[in-house]
Amino acid sequence: MTWKRIAVVAALFGIVNVQAQDSFNLKSCVDYALSNNFDLLKAEIQRESINYQVKEQMSSGLPQIAGYTSFSDNVLIPTQLVPGEFFGGAPGTFLPVKFGVHYSVAAGLELNQLLFSQQFFNGLKTARKAKEVVDVSVDQAKEQVVYTVANYYYQAQAFKIQLKMLEDNYDRLSKITDIAEVQYKNDMMRKLDLDQLIVNKKNLETSLNNAKIGYNQQMNGLKIILGMDVEDELTLVDEEIQVKDSEYENIKKISNNLSQKVLQTKLEMSELEYKTIKAGYYPSLHLNFSTSINGQFDKFNFKNEGSFNRYPFMMLGLTLNVPIFDGLKKNSQLKQKALAMEQMKFDQQKTTHQLNLQYQNAVYTIQQNRSIYALQKENLGFANQLYDAVKHTYNDGISNITELINAENSLKEAQNNYLNALMKIKIAELDEMYISGNINELTQ
């Protein structure tokens, strides 16, 4: 089955899943993206293309066979001068003689087989190493998709939590405002206090609308990453975002990172390319075989015996090509390739340092934000208790409207601080998994 058929089947299967599955969790989002993401589909095409490049390289080591046929009509047979004395004439004289016949045909077969070429064998190894580079690059692209999907997923879930909080706040404030309007009509509340409630309600309504817009934008972004159309339905499961309790150490933990593997594989391929260029100094040996049948005649009359003469031909030989001097072309190519490999080694060192820094920063962010997250989670609980208490005393006429509004503002601030701390930890956790090369754990 070709990649096109696989892609079509996968796409159809994905559509069926979208229709059959009511909601997506993180794993189902990742699985869908790995089968339908456009960048990954392009990467698979590149993987298939490199397979044909390897076969193309192999083809020059296989027998090269060519057949041919030809027909010639000698409209004017060429004339040559021969010494007249060959035909009894006087010495020093020449006679014009026409050699050849009007028509000639030929049909033959030629074969060329490479017996030895160090350049060919090294070139084949280089092509296979290039395939490894593409394979690792495809795996790297998959990791990037998994990371991006998880990032969008957690952001969308955070928006859902925020929406739920804002909707609850809005419902509570709406009920209080309705009661306050009745109290104002009965001269039990000042106009100033009612206006404060109405302003807070409008502000909360604006925050709720902004959160809805942000959630829809986040979901549309997630659809694009998954390979969906923005018009497709996508519903996420309702779940609590869990924070890991894993212990991290600020040590080098990047051995599984594919960025290093890509650079190492590219360096190995460059080394093979260097050897391939160097092998151009070695001789190569080819086997040559040729056979043909040539025919000559003056008229298209093949019934008479001897009117069409056939002359078979066959040749078997070896060709040894020995490079002697190429104007120092290969020498310059070798020096360029050696300098390029030195640059790649520096890139490896730089990448290692950068990954170590990124990993330590991610771990540091997780460790530092754990205490902040725990504090904000506890603070959110206190803010809810405070709001409920002030609301209760407000209903009993003990607390005034200002205290209630202050409690409501404190609750909104606590909610925002909690969500910010939660997302900082989750993004840092994703960074740690991606940099350490363990992001594919989300597919399990």
Protein backbone atom coordinates (compact mmCIF):
# COMPACT_ATOMS: atom_id res chain seq x y z
CA MET A 1 0.00 0.00 0.00
CA THR A 2 1.48 3.34 -1.03
CA TRP A 3 1.67 6.36 1.28
CA LYS A 4 -1.20 7.99 -0.61
CA ARG A 5 -3.54 5.11 0.15
CA ILE A 6 -2.33 5.00 3.74
CA ALA A 7 -2.96 8.74 4.11
CA VAL A 8 -6.47 8.43 2.65
CA VAL A 9 -7.35 5.48 4.91
CA ALA A 10 -5.91 7.29 7.93
CA ALA A 11 -7.85 10.44 7.09
CA LEU A 12 -11.10 8.53 6.64
CA PHE A 13 -10.48 6.63 9.86
CA GLY A 14 -9.82 9.92 11.62
CA ILE A 15 -13.10 11.39 10.32
CA VAL A 16 -15.00 8.36 11.58
CA ASN A 17 -13.35 8.73 14.96
CA VAL A 18 -14.27 12.43 15.17
CA GLN A 19 -17.88 11.58 14.47
CA ALA A 20 -17.99 8.59 16.79
CA GLN A 21 -16.04 9.99 19.71
CA ASP A 22 -17.91 12.55 21.81
CA SER A 23 -14.87 14.09 23.48
CA PHE A 24 -11.09 13.96 23.29
CA ASN A 25 -8.60 13.51 26.08
CA LEU A 26 -4.91 14.31 25.68
CA LYS A 27 -3.93 10.88 24.35
CA SER A 28 -6.70 10.78 21.75
CA CYS A 29 -5.70 14.29 20.61
CA VAL A 30 -2.08 13.18 20.24
CA ASP A 31 -3.04 9.97 18.42
CA TYR A 32 -5.27 11.89 16.01
CA ALA A 33 -2.52 14.45 15.29
CA LEU A 34 0.08 11.75 14.61
CA SER A 35 -2.21 10.36 11.89
CA ASN A 36 -3.55 13.58 10.41
CA ASN A 37 -1.14 16.46 11.03
CA PHE A 38 -0.18 17.99 7.69
CA ASP A 39 3.47 18.51 8.59
CA LEU A 40 3.81 14.84 9.55
CA LEU A 41 2.12 13.72 6.33
CA LYS A 42 4.68 15.80 4.41
CA ALA A 43 7.47 14.28 6.49
CA GLU A 44 6.27 10.77 5.58
CA ILE A 45 6.41 11.74 1.90
CA GLN A 46 9.98 12.87 2.42
CA ARG A 47 10.77 9.54 4.08
CA GLU A 48 9.39 7.68 1.05
CA SER A 49 11.29 9.97 -1.32
CA ILE A 50 14.62 9.23 0.36
CA ASN A 51 13.96 5.50 -0.09
CA TYR A 52 13.86 6.05 -3.83
CA GLN A 53 17.04 8.11 -3.64
CA VAL A 54 18.79 5.12 -2.08
CA LYS A 55 17.47 2.89 -4.86
CA GLU A 56 18.67 5.43 -7.41
CA GLN A 57 22.17 5.25 -5.91
CA MET A 58 22.05 1.44 -5.99
CA SER A 59 21.01 1.41 -9.65
CA SER A 60 24.45 2.51 -10.87
CA GLY A 61 25.91 -0.71 -9.44
CA LEU A 62 23.44 -2.94 -11.29
CA PRO A 63 23.83 -4.08 -14.92
CA GLN A 64 23.24 -1.31 -17.44
CA ILE A 65 21.69 -2.86 -20.56
CA ALA A 66 20.75 -1.01 -23.74
CA GLY A 67 19.48 -2.27 -27.06
CA TYR A 68 19.64 -0.42 -30.36
CA THR A 69 18.67 -0.72 -33.97
CA SER A 70 19.46 1.46 -36.99
CA PHE A 71 18.67 1.76 -40.70
CA SER A 72 20.67 3.76 -43.24
CA ASP A 73 19.86 4.70 -46.82
CA ASN A 74 23.06 5.73 -48.57
CA VAL A 75 21.45 7.95 -51.19
CA LEU A 76 24.86 8.85 -52.62
CA ILE A 77 27.48 6.21 -51.99
CA PRO A 78 30.79 7.87 -51.11
CA THR A 79 33.56 7.72 -53.73
CA GLN A 80 37.19 7.11 -52.92
CA LEU A 81 40.33 7.24 -55.10
CA VAL A 82 42.53 4.16 -55.34
CA PRO A 83 45.85 3.74 -57.22
CA GLY A 84 45.22 2.87 -60.86
CA GLU A 85 48.02 0.30 -60.92
CA PHE A 86 45.84 -1.95 -58.68
CA PHE A 87 43.62 -2.42 -61.69
CA GLY A 88 46.34 -2.53 -64.41
CA GLY A 89 46.57 1.21 -64.94
CA ALA A 90 49.65 3.36 -65.18
CA PRO A 91 51.55 4.02 -61.95
CA GLY A 92 50.71 7.38 -60.41
CA THR A 93 47.15 7.43 -61.65
CA PHE A 94 43.99 7.10 -59.52
CA LEU A 95 40.64 5.60 -60.26
CA PRO A 96 37.36 6.68 -58.55
CA VAL A 97 35.68 3.72 -56.86
CA LYS A 98 32.45 3.57 -54.85
CA PHE A 99 32.56 1.37 -51.75
CA GLY A 100 29.39 0.22 -50.02
CA VAL A 101 25.77 -0.59 -50.71
CA HIS A 102 22.63 1.48 -50.77
CA TYR A 103 21.08 0.12 -47.57
CA SER A 104 22.41 -1.09 -44.23
CA VAL A 105 20.71 -2.17 -41.01
CA ALA A 106 22.06 -2.98 -37.58
CA ALA A 107 20.65 -4.35 -34.32
CA GLY A 108 22.58 -4.94 -31.18
CA LEU A 109 22.76 -5.21 -27.40
CA GLU A 110 25.21 -3.55 -25.04
CA LEU A 111 25.88 -4.37 -21.39
CA ASN A 112 27.99 -2.53 -18.86
CA GLN A 113 28.52 -3.91 -15.37
CA LEU A 114 30.40 -2.18 -12.57
CA LEU A 115 32.80 -4.65 -10.99
CA PHE A 116 34.63 -2.39 -8.56
CA SER A 117 34.34 1.25 -7.52
CA GLN A 118 35.15 2.41 -4.02
CA GLN A 119 33.37 5.66 -4.78
CA PHE A 120 30.16 3.77 -5.58
CA PHE A 121 30.23 1.73 -2.36
CA ASN A 122 30.90 4.79 -0.20
CA GLY A 123 28.20 6.73 -2.05
CA LEU A 124 25.71 3.97 -1.30
CA LYS A 125 26.61 4.10 2.41
CA THR A 126 26.13 7.87 2.31
CA ALA A 127 22.67 7.51 0.75
CA ARG A 128 21.65 5.02 3.44
CA LYS A 129 22.96 7.37 6.13
CA ALA A 130 20.88 10.16 4.56
CA LYS A 131 17.86 7.92 5.04
CA GLU A 132 18.73 7.65 8.74
CA VAL A 133 18.86 11.44 8.94
CA VAL A 134 15.37 11.69 7.45
CA ASP A 135 14.05 8.96 9.76
CA VAL A 136 15.34 10.78 12.83
CA SER A 137 13.99 14.08 11.48
CA VAL A 138 10.54 12.52 11.09
CA ASP A 139 10.69 11.25 14.68
CA GLN A 140 11.74 14.73 15.77
CA ALA A 141 8.79 16.24 13.90
CA LYS A 142 6.48 13.81 15.69
CA GLU A 143 7.85 14.89 19.05
CA GLN A 144 7.29 18.52 18.13
CA VAL A 145 3.68 17.75 17.22
CA VAL A 146 3.12 15.89 20.50
CA TYR A 147 4.58 18.82 22.45
CA THR A 148 2.47 21.39 20.57
CA VAL A 149 -0.72 19.36 20.93
CA ALA A 150 -0.17 18.97 24.68
CA ASN A 151 0.57 22.68 25.02
CA TYR A 152 -2.64 23.67 23.22
CA TYR A 153 -4.60 21.02 25.10
CA TYR A 154 -3.56 22.23 28.55
CA GLN A 155 -4.14 25.86 27.57
CA ALA A 156 -7.65 24.96 26.36
CA GLN A 157 -8.36 23.07 29.58
CA ALA A 158 -7.18 26.10 31.56
CA PHE A 159 -9.63 28.26 29.63
CA LYS A 160 -12.40 25.79 30.45
CA ILE A 161 -11.58 26.04 34.15
CA GLN A 162 -11.48 29.82 33.91
CA LEU A 163 -14.83 29.88 32.11
CA LYS A 164 -16.39 27.72 34.82
CA MET A 165 -15.04 30.02 37.53
CA LEU A 166 -16.20 33.16 35.74
CA GLU A 167 -19.64 31.71 35.05
CA ASP A 168 -20.05 30.81 38.74
CA ASN A 169 -18.90 34.29 39.74
CA TYR A 170 -21.28 35.88 37.26
CA ASP A 171 -24.23 33.79 38.45
CA ARG A 172 -23.56 34.71 42.08
CA LEU A 173 -23.14 38.39 41.30
CA SER A 174 -26.25 38.41 39.09
CA LYS A 175 -28.37 37.05 41.95
CA ILE A 176 -26.95 39.63 44.35
CA THR A 177 -27.56 42.43 41.82
CA ASP A 178 -31.17 41.31 41.29
CA ILE A 179 -31.77 41.39 45.03
CA ALA A 180 -30.05 44.78 45.28
CA GLU A 181 -32.31 46.24 42.61
CA VAL A 182 -35.36 45.17 44.59
CA GLN A 183 -33.85 46.63 47.74
CA TYR A 184 -33.14 49.90 45.96
CA LYS A 185 -36.73 50.15 44.75
CA ASN A 186 -37.86 49.69 48.33
CA ASP A 187 -35.42 52.37 49.54
CA MET A 188 -33.32 49.77 51.33
CA MET A 189 -30.08 50.42 49.36
CA ARG A 190 -28.25 53.43 48.12
CA LYS A 191 -28.02 54.12 44.39
CA LEU A 192 -24.24 54.30 44.71
CA ASP A 193 -24.04 50.75 46.09
CA LEU A 194 -26.29 49.44 43.33
CA ASP A 195 -24.18 51.14 40.69
CA GLN A 196 -21.06 49.50 42.10
CA LEU A 197 -22.67 46.07 41.74
CA ILE A 198 -23.84 46.82 38.19
CA VAL A 199 -20.34 48.02 37.16
CA ASN A 200 -18.73 44.87 38.63
CA LYS A 201 -21.31 42.73 36.86
CA LYS A 202 -20.52 44.42 33.51
CA ASN A 203 -16.79 43.99 34.09
CA LEU A 204 -17.30 40.34 34.92
CA GLU A 205 -19.42 39.88 31.80
CA THR A 206 -16.59 41.38 29.71
CA SER A 207 -14.06 39.03 31.32
CA LEU A 208 -16.37 36.10 30.59
CA ASN A 209 -16.74 37.07 26.92
CA ASN A 210 -12.97 37.52 26.57
CA ALA A 211 -12.41 34.09 28.08
CA LYS A 212 -14.90 32.55 25.61
CA ILE A 213 -13.06 34.22 22.72
CA GLY A 214 -9.73 32.97 24.05
CA TYR A 215 -11.09 29.44 24.45
CA ASN A 216 -12.48 29.37 20.89
CA GLN A 217 -9.18 30.65 19.50
CA GLN A 218 -7.27 28.03 21.47
CA MET A 219 -9.58 25.28 20.21
CA ASN A 220 -9.21 26.46 16.60
CA GLY A 221 -5.43 26.38 17.00
CA LEU A 222 -5.67 22.85 18.40
CA LYS A 223 -7.81 21.76 15.43
CA ILE A 224 -5.17 22.99 12.99
CA ILE A 225 -2.44 21.09 14.82
CA LEU A 226 -4.60 17.95 14.81
CA GLY A 227 -5.18 18.29 11.08
CA MET A 228 -8.84 19.20 11.35
CA ASP A 229 -10.79 21.97 9.68
CA VAL A 230 -11.92 24.82 11.90
CA GLU A 231 -15.51 23.90 11.05
CA ASP A 232 -15.07 20.40 12.51
CA GLU A 233 -16.52 19.62 15.92
CA LEU A 234 -13.97 19.12 18.70
CA THR A 235 -14.94 18.62 22.32
CA LEU A 236 -12.46 18.05 25.12
CA VAL A 237 -13.18 15.89 28.15
CA ASP A 238 -13.77 17.63 31.45
CA GLU A 239 -10.81 16.73 33.60
CA GLU A 240 -8.72 18.23 36.35
CA ILE A 241 -5.21 19.22 35.33
CA GLN A 242 -2.85 17.19 37.48
CA VAL A 243 0.55 18.44 38.59
CA LYS A 244 3.29 15.80 38.76
CA ASP A 245 4.95 15.05 42.07
CA SER A 246 8.12 13.71 40.44
CA GLU A 247 11.47 14.71 41.88
CA TYR A 248 13.90 16.36 39.50
CA GLU A 249 17.61 16.94 39.73
CA ASN A 250 19.59 19.65 37.99
CA ILE A 251 21.72 17.15 36.13
CA LYS A 252 22.37 16.46 32.48
CA LYS A 253 19.41 14.44 31.29
CA ILE A 254 19.32 15.06 27.56
CA SER A 255 20.77 11.83 26.19
CA ASN A 256 17.46 10.92 24.52
CA ASN A 257 17.00 14.30 22.86
CA LEU A 258 16.68 13.79 19.11
CA SER A 259 18.37 17.10 18.26
CA GLN A 260 21.68 15.57 19.27
CA LYS A 261 20.94 12.40 17.34
CA VAL A 262 20.12 14.40 14.20
CA LEU A 263 23.41 16.31 14.40
CA GLN A 264 25.39 13.12 15.09
CA THR A 265 23.79 11.33 12.14
CA LYS A 266 24.46 14.33 9.88
CA LEU A 267 28.10 14.33 11.00
CA GLU A 268 28.41 10.62 10.21
CA MET A 269 26.89 11.27 6.78
CA SER A 270 29.43 14.07 6.17
CA GLU A 271 32.23 11.68 7.09
CA LEU A 272 30.93 9.22 4.51
CA GLU A 273 30.71 12.00 1.93
CA TYR A 274 34.36 12.80 2.69
CA LYS A 275 35.30 9.17 2.08
CA THR A 276 33.25 9.13 -1.12
CA ILE A 277 35.15 12.13 -2.48
CA LYS A 278 38.45 10.56 -1.45
CA ALA A 279 37.50 7.31 -3.17
CA GLY A 280 37.49 9.27 -6.43
CA TYR A 281 41.29 8.81 -6.42
CA TYR A 282 40.87 5.02 -6.66
CA PRO A 283 40.53 3.16 -9.99
CA SER A 284 37.27 1.60 -11.10
CA LEU A 285 36.69 -1.55 -13.14
CA HIS A 286 33.82 -2.23 -15.56
CA LEU A 287 32.82 -5.28 -17.58
CA ASN A 288 31.74 -4.49 -21.15
CA PHE A 289 29.80 -6.75 -23.48
CA SER A 290 28.41 -5.92 -26.90
CA THR A 291 26.79 -7.99 -29.63
CA SER A 292 25.13 -6.99 -32.88
CA ILE A 293 24.06 -8.11 -36.33
CA ASN A 294 24.78 -5.87 -39.34
CA GLY A 295 23.09 -6.29 -42.68
CA GLN A 296 23.79 -4.71 -46.09
CA PHE A 297 21.86 -4.84 -49.38
CA ASP A 298 21.19 -2.84 -52.53
CA LYS A 299 17.54 -3.69 -53.12
CA PHE A 300 14.54 -4.70 -51.03
CA ASN A 301 14.53 -8.18 -52.50
CA PHE A 302 15.15 -10.79 -49.86
CA LYS A 303 13.93 -13.80 -51.89
CA ASN A 304 17.11 -14.13 -53.87
CA GLU A 305 19.87 -15.84 -51.99
CA GLY A 306 22.73 -13.52 -51.22
CA SER A 307 20.76 -10.35 -51.71
CA PHE A 308 20.88 -9.63 -47.94
CA ASN A 309 24.18 -10.19 -46.19
CA ARG A 310 24.33 -10.60 -42.40
CA TYR A 311 27.48 -10.04 -40.35
CA PRO A 312 27.36 -10.91 -36.64
CA PHE A 313 29.57 -9.15 -34.10
CA MET A 314 30.37 -9.83 -30.42
CA MET A 315 32.78 -8.18 -27.98
CA LEU A 316 33.65 -8.91 -24.33
CA GLY A 317 36.11 -6.72 -22.45
CA LEU A 318 37.19 -4.98 -19.28
CA THR A 319 37.67 -1.25 -18.77
CA LEU A 320 39.94 0.03 -16.04
CA ASN A 321 39.64 3.75 -15.31
CA VAL A 322 42.61 5.19 -13.41
CA PRO A 323 42.32 8.82 -12.23
CA ILE A 324 45.61 10.64 -12.73
CA PHE A 325 45.09 14.39 -12.35
CA ASP A 326 41.89 16.43 -12.01
CA GLY A 327 43.33 19.89 -11.50
CA LEU A 328 43.17 19.45 -7.67
CA LYS A 329 39.36 19.46 -7.80
CA LYS A 330 38.91 16.61 -5.33
CA ASN A 331 41.57 18.07 -3.07
CA SER A 332 39.56 21.29 -2.78
CA GLN A 333 36.35 19.33 -2.20
CA LEU A 334 37.99 17.35 0.62
CA LYS A 335 39.17 20.51 2.35
CA GLN A 336 35.70 22.06 2.10
CA LYS A 337 34.10 18.95 3.54
CA ALA A 338 36.65 18.79 6.38
CA LEU A 339 35.89 22.41 7.34
CA ALA A 340 32.15 21.72 7.18
CA MET A 341 32.59 18.80 9.60
CA GLU A 342 34.49 21.04 12.00
CA GLN A 343 31.56 23.45 11.95
CA MET A 344 29.14 20.60 12.67
CA LYS A 345 31.20 19.56 15.70
CA PHE A 346 30.91 23.08 17.06
CA ASP A 347 27.15 22.93 16.41
CA GLN A 348 27.01 19.72 18.45
CA GLN A 349 28.78 21.32 21.40
CA LYS A 350 26.60 24.42 21.20
CA THR A 351 23.42 22.35 21.04
CA THR A 352 24.50 20.28 24.05
CA HIS A 353 25.14 23.41 26.11
CA GLN A 354 21.82 24.93 25.06
CA LEU A 355 19.88 21.76 25.87
CA ASN A 356 21.55 21.51 29.28
CA LEU A 357 20.57 25.10 30.01
CA GLN A 358 17.00 24.60 28.78
CA TYR A 359 16.62 21.43 30.84
CA GLN A 360 17.90 23.04 34.01
CA ASN A 361 15.66 26.07 33.45
CA ALA A 362 12.63 23.80 33.01
CA VAL A 363 13.43 21.86 36.18
CA TYR A 364 14.10 25.09 38.06
CA THR A 365 10.76 26.50 36.91
CA ILE A 366 8.95 23.37 38.09
CA GLN A 367 10.66 23.38 41.47
CA GLN A 368 10.16 27.09 42.08
CA ASN A 369 6.53 27.13 40.97
CA ARG A 370 5.49 24.12 43.03
CA SER A 371 5.51 26.14 46.21
CA ILE A 372 3.81 29.04 44.42
CA TYR A 373 1.17 26.69 43.02
CA ALA A 374 0.52 25.13 46.43
CA LEU A 375 0.27 28.60 47.95
CA GLN A 376 -2.13 29.85 45.24
CA LYS A 377 -4.26 26.72 45.51
CA GLU A 378 -4.55 27.22 49.26
CA ASN A 379 -5.15 30.92 48.77
CA LEU A 380 -7.96 30.14 46.32
CA GLY A 381 -9.64 28.05 48.98
CA PHE A 382 -9.36 30.90 51.48
CA ALA A 383 -10.72 33.38 48.90
CA ASN A 384 -13.77 31.16 48.33
CA GLN A 385 -14.36 30.86 52.07
CA LEU A 386 -13.94 34.61 52.52
CA TYR A 387 -16.39 35.39 49.74
CA ASP A 388 -18.98 32.95 51.10
CA ALA A 389 -18.59 34.40 54.59
CA VAL A 390 -18.88 38.02 53.44
CA LYS A 391 -21.84 37.15 51.24
CA HIS A 392 -23.56 35.50 54.20
CA THR A 393 -22.95 38.49 56.47
CA TYR A 394 -24.00 40.83 53.65
CA ASN A 395 -27.30 39.00 53.33
CA ASP A 396 -27.75 39.35 57.07
CA GLY A 397 -27.08 43.08 56.81
CA ILE A 398 -23.84 42.95 58.77
CA SER A 399 -21.37 43.58 55.93
CA ASN A 400 -21.72 46.41 53.46
CA ILE A 401 -21.56 46.30 49.67
CA THR A 402 -17.95 47.50 49.60
CA GLU A 403 -16.79 44.52 51.64
CA LEU A 404 -18.67 42.18 49.31
CA ILE A 405 -17.12 43.75 46.19
CA ASN A 406 -13.65 43.60 47.75
CA ALA A 407 -14.17 39.91 48.54
CA GLU A 408 -15.31 39.29 44.98
CA ASN A 409 -12.24 41.06 43.54
CA SER A 410 -9.98 39.08 45.84
CA LEU A 411 -11.62 35.86 44.63
CA LYS A 412 -11.08 36.77 40.96
CA GLU A 413 -7.45 37.64 41.64
CA ALA A 414 -6.92 34.37 43.49
CA GLN A 415 -8.48 32.44 40.61
CA ASN A 416 -6.22 34.13 38.05
CA ASN A 417 -3.13 33.57 40.19
CA TYR A 418 -4.04 29.91 40.62
CA LEU A 419 -4.50 29.33 36.87
CA ASN A 420 -1.26 31.17 36.03
CA ALA A 421 0.72 29.08 38.52
CA LEU A 422 -0.91 25.90 37.22
CA MET A 423 -0.06 26.63 33.57
CA LYS A 424 3.53 27.62 34.37
CA ILE A 425 4.10 24.23 35.95
CA LYS A 426 2.39 22.29 33.15
CA ILE A 427 4.35 24.11 30.42
CA ALA A 428 7.58 23.56 32.36
CA GLU A 429 6.71 19.86 32.70
CA LEU A 430 6.21 19.66 28.93
CA ASP A 431 9.52 21.45 28.38
CA GLU A 432 11.30 18.97 30.65
CA MET A 433 9.76 15.99 28.84
CA TYR A 434 10.55 17.43 25.41
CA ILE A 435 14.15 18.40 26.18
CA SER A 436 14.90 15.08 27.89
CA GLY A 437 13.44 13.19 24.92
CA ASN A 438 10.56 11.66 26.88
CA ILE A 439 7.65 13.59 25.36
CA ASN A 440 6.40 10.41 23.66
CA GLU A 441 5.28 9.19 27.08
CA LEU A 442 2.11 11.18 26.36
CA THR A 443 1.28 8.73 23.57
CA GLN A 444 1.21 5.78 25.95
